[in-house]
Amino acid sequence: MRRPSPATAIAFLALCVALSGVAYAQSLDADSVGPRELREPSVGSSQVSNGSLKRSDFARGQIPRGQRGPRGRRGLPGATRVVTRSARGRDIPGQDVRSMRVRCRGNERATGGGGGFAGIALENDRIIESLPGLGSPPRDWRVTLFNGGQSPRAPVAYVICARP
């Protein structure tokens, strides 16, 4: 049998140290810290740092509600037209990788996208990358695909376009 590597020995030691703390905590009584140990005024304002308590540290109704703030500015209008555009690329040979792009039209912006192959997906097909094109805002989507099959197959890329 081989001797364990130094990394294995260190990992085992770290596991033992971590478990020893859990074991010690488990050995304490369930009520080992309670009202008797926390007698008045054992924890008071002087032991609590300013800003360290969160809203969840207080009971419901203990913190008074503040005044309503001023109404904010009206936001910009959202997308009024969202469409999915697709493009079919030149066949990718079997066991090969290729990229393709699909573009939005006019003043549309690319908000998402993806791709795959036309027809039935194969277990070994892979999307290598799927990302927006360069530019701000992006106007196209690029997909890089691996054809996991043996024969050439047609890639399809999709882009979700939104018009402001």
Protein backbone atom coordinates (compact mmCIF):
# COMPACT_ATOMS: atom_id res chain seq x y z
CA MET A 1 0.00 0.00 0.00
CA ARG A 2 1.32 3.48 -0.94
CA ARG A 3 2.01 6.11 1.66
CA PRO A 4 -0.48 9.02 1.57
CA SER A 5 0.77 12.19 -0.07
CA PRO A 6 1.49 15.27 2.06
CA ALA A 7 -1.63 16.92 0.61
CA THR A 8 -3.79 14.01 1.78
CA ALA A 9 -2.24 14.15 5.26
CA ILE A 10 -2.91 17.90 5.53
CA ALA A 11 -6.49 17.44 4.30
CA PHE A 12 -7.04 14.71 6.90
CA LEU A 13 -5.62 16.93 9.66
CA ALA A 14 -7.88 19.82 8.58
CA LEU A 15 -10.89 17.49 8.67
CA CYS A 16 -10.00 16.36 12.20
CA VAL A 17 -9.64 19.95 13.41
CA ALA A 18 -12.96 20.94 11.86
CA LEU A 19 -14.77 17.96 13.36
CA SER A 20 -13.25 18.47 16.81
CA GLY A 21 -14.98 21.85 17.11
CA VAL A 22 -18.32 20.27 16.18
CA ALA A 23 -17.73 17.46 18.66
CA TYR A 24 -16.94 19.93 21.45
CA ALA A 25 -20.05 21.98 20.70
CA GLN A 26 -22.12 18.78 20.68
CA SER A 27 -20.76 17.82 24.11
CA LEU A 28 -22.11 21.03 25.71
CA ASP A 29 -25.51 20.99 27.34
CA ALA A 30 -28.33 22.40 25.25
CA ASP A 31 -28.85 25.16 27.80
CA SER A 32 -25.17 25.87 28.47
CA VAL A 33 -25.63 29.56 27.64
CA GLY A 34 -28.89 30.93 28.87
CA PRO A 35 -30.49 33.51 31.16
CA ARG A 36 -28.22 32.61 34.08
CA GLU A 37 -25.05 33.36 32.08
CA LEU A 38 -26.58 36.42 30.43
CA ARG A 39 -27.80 38.19 33.55
CA GLU A 40 -28.75 41.85 33.48
CA PRO A 41 -26.71 43.87 32.48
CA SER A 42 -24.20 41.33 31.08
CA VAL A 43 -24.84 42.48 27.49
CA GLY A 44 -25.67 46.14 27.14
CA SER A 45 -25.04 49.14 24.96
CA SER A 46 -21.36 49.28 25.83
CA GLN A 47 -20.80 45.71 24.50
CA VAL A 48 -22.66 46.31 21.20
CA SER A 49 -20.88 48.29 18.48
CA ASN A 50 -22.84 51.03 16.78
CA GLY A 51 -24.24 49.86 13.45
CA SER A 52 -23.59 46.16 14.16
CA LEU A 53 -27.25 45.21 14.72
CA LYS A 54 -29.53 44.54 11.80
CA ARG A 55 -33.30 44.96 11.49
CA SER A 56 -33.66 41.17 11.90
CA ASP A 57 -32.08 41.43 15.39
CA PHE A 58 -35.15 43.28 16.65
CA ALA A 59 -38.67 42.03 17.38
CA ARG A 60 -41.52 43.06 15.09
CA GLY A 61 -42.70 46.56 15.97
CA GLN A 62 -39.56 47.49 17.97
CA ILE A 63 -38.25 49.78 15.24
CA PRO A 64 -40.62 52.62 14.32
CA ARG A 65 -41.42 53.10 10.64
CA GLY A 66 -39.82 56.16 9.06
CA GLN A 67 -41.55 58.84 7.03
CA ARG A 68 -42.39 58.15 3.41
CA GLY A 69 -39.74 59.54 1.08
CA PRO A 70 -40.31 61.76 -1.93
CA ARG A 71 -41.59 60.18 -5.14
CA GLY A 72 -38.79 59.23 -7.54
CA ARG A 73 -38.37 60.37 -11.14
CA ARG A 74 -40.30 58.57 -13.85
CA GLY A 75 -38.23 55.80 -15.42
CA LEU A 76 -37.40 55.36 -19.07
CA PRO A 77 -39.91 53.42 -21.13
CA GLY A 78 -39.25 49.70 -21.39
CA ALA A 79 -38.88 47.65 -24.53
CA THR A 80 -41.99 47.95 -26.68
CA ARG A 81 -41.18 45.17 -29.11
CA VAL A 82 -39.31 41.99 -28.32
CA VAL A 83 -38.62 39.51 -31.12
CA THR A 84 -36.51 36.41 -31.65
CA ARG A 85 -34.44 36.32 -34.80
CA SER A 86 -32.63 33.25 -36.07
CA ALA A 87 -30.12 32.39 -38.75
CA ARG A 88 -29.01 29.09 -40.20
CA GLY A 89 -25.29 28.82 -40.96
CA ARG A 90 -23.17 26.75 -43.32
CA ASP A 91 -22.83 23.10 -42.35
CA ILE A 92 -20.27 22.31 -39.68
CA PRO A 93 -18.26 19.14 -40.49
CA GLY A 94 -18.45 16.28 -37.99
CA GLN A 95 -16.21 16.63 -34.93
CA ASP A 96 -15.46 20.28 -35.81
CA VAL A 97 -16.03 23.70 -34.17
CA ARG A 98 -17.37 26.82 -35.91
CA SER A 99 -18.83 30.19 -34.91
CA MET A 100 -21.73 32.09 -36.39
CA ARG A 101 -23.54 35.36 -35.76
CA VAL A 102 -27.14 36.46 -35.93
CA ARG A 103 -28.01 40.17 -36.01
CA CYS A 104 -30.86 42.33 -34.80
CA ARG A 105 -32.43 44.80 -37.24
CA GLY A 106 -32.57 48.59 -37.19
CA ASN A 107 -32.34 50.07 -33.69
CA GLU A 108 -33.03 46.74 -31.92
CA ARG A 109 -30.67 45.66 -29.15
CA ALA A 110 -29.50 42.11 -28.44
CA THR A 111 -30.67 41.05 -24.97
CA GLY A 112 -30.02 37.31 -25.14
CA GLY A 113 -29.33 34.45 -27.48
CA GLY A 114 -28.20 30.91 -28.02
CA GLY A 115 -27.88 28.23 -30.62
CA GLY A 116 -27.75 24.59 -31.56
CA PHE A 117 -28.13 22.36 -34.58
CA ALA A 118 -31.11 21.94 -36.89
CA GLY A 119 -32.77 18.58 -36.30
CA ILE A 120 -32.15 16.19 -33.43
CA ALA A 121 -29.50 17.11 -30.86
CA LEU A 122 -26.70 14.60 -30.31
CA GLU A 123 -25.26 13.72 -26.92
CA ASN A 124 -21.80 15.01 -27.86
CA ASP A 125 -22.97 18.38 -29.28
CA ARG A 126 -21.59 21.32 -27.33
CA ILE A 127 -22.19 25.05 -27.16
CA ILE A 128 -18.64 26.30 -26.70
CA GLU A 129 -19.68 29.91 -26.17
CA SER A 130 -22.80 32.04 -26.48
CA LEU A 131 -22.30 35.76 -25.99
CA PRO A 132 -23.37 39.21 -27.21
CA GLY A 133 -21.42 40.89 -29.96
CA LEU A 134 -19.13 43.83 -29.35
CA GLY A 135 -20.60 47.28 -29.07
CA SER A 136 -22.70 49.15 -26.60
CA PRO A 137 -25.49 48.26 -26.78
CA PRO A 138 -24.85 44.93 -28.51
CA ARG A 139 -26.72 44.44 -31.80
CA ASP A 140 -25.86 40.79 -32.49
CA TRP A 141 -25.20 37.42 -30.83
CA ARG A 142 -22.33 35.01 -31.47
CA VAL A 143 -22.52 31.27 -30.91
CA THR A 144 -19.66 28.79 -31.22
CA LEU A 145 -20.76 25.16 -31.61
CA PHE A 146 -19.08 21.76 -31.65
CA ASN A 147 -20.68 19.18 -33.96
CA GLY A 148 -20.55 15.96 -31.94
CA GLY A 149 -21.73 13.87 -34.89
CA GLN A 150 -19.80 12.26 -37.72
CA SER A 151 -21.56 13.99 -40.63
CA PRO A 152 -21.92 17.72 -41.45
CA ARG A 153 -24.87 19.47 -39.75
CA ALA A 154 -26.48 22.90 -40.05
CA PRO A 155 -26.01 25.25 -37.07
CA VAL A 156 -28.79 27.59 -35.98
CA ALA A 157 -28.22 30.73 -33.90
CA TYR A 158 -30.85 32.80 -32.12
CA VAL A 159 -30.88 36.35 -30.80
CA ILE A 160 -33.55 38.01 -28.66
CA CYS A 161 -33.90 41.59 -29.85
CA ALA A 162 -35.71 44.43 -28.09
CA ARG A 163 -36.63 47.84 -29.46
CA PRO A 164 -36.65 50.69 -26.93
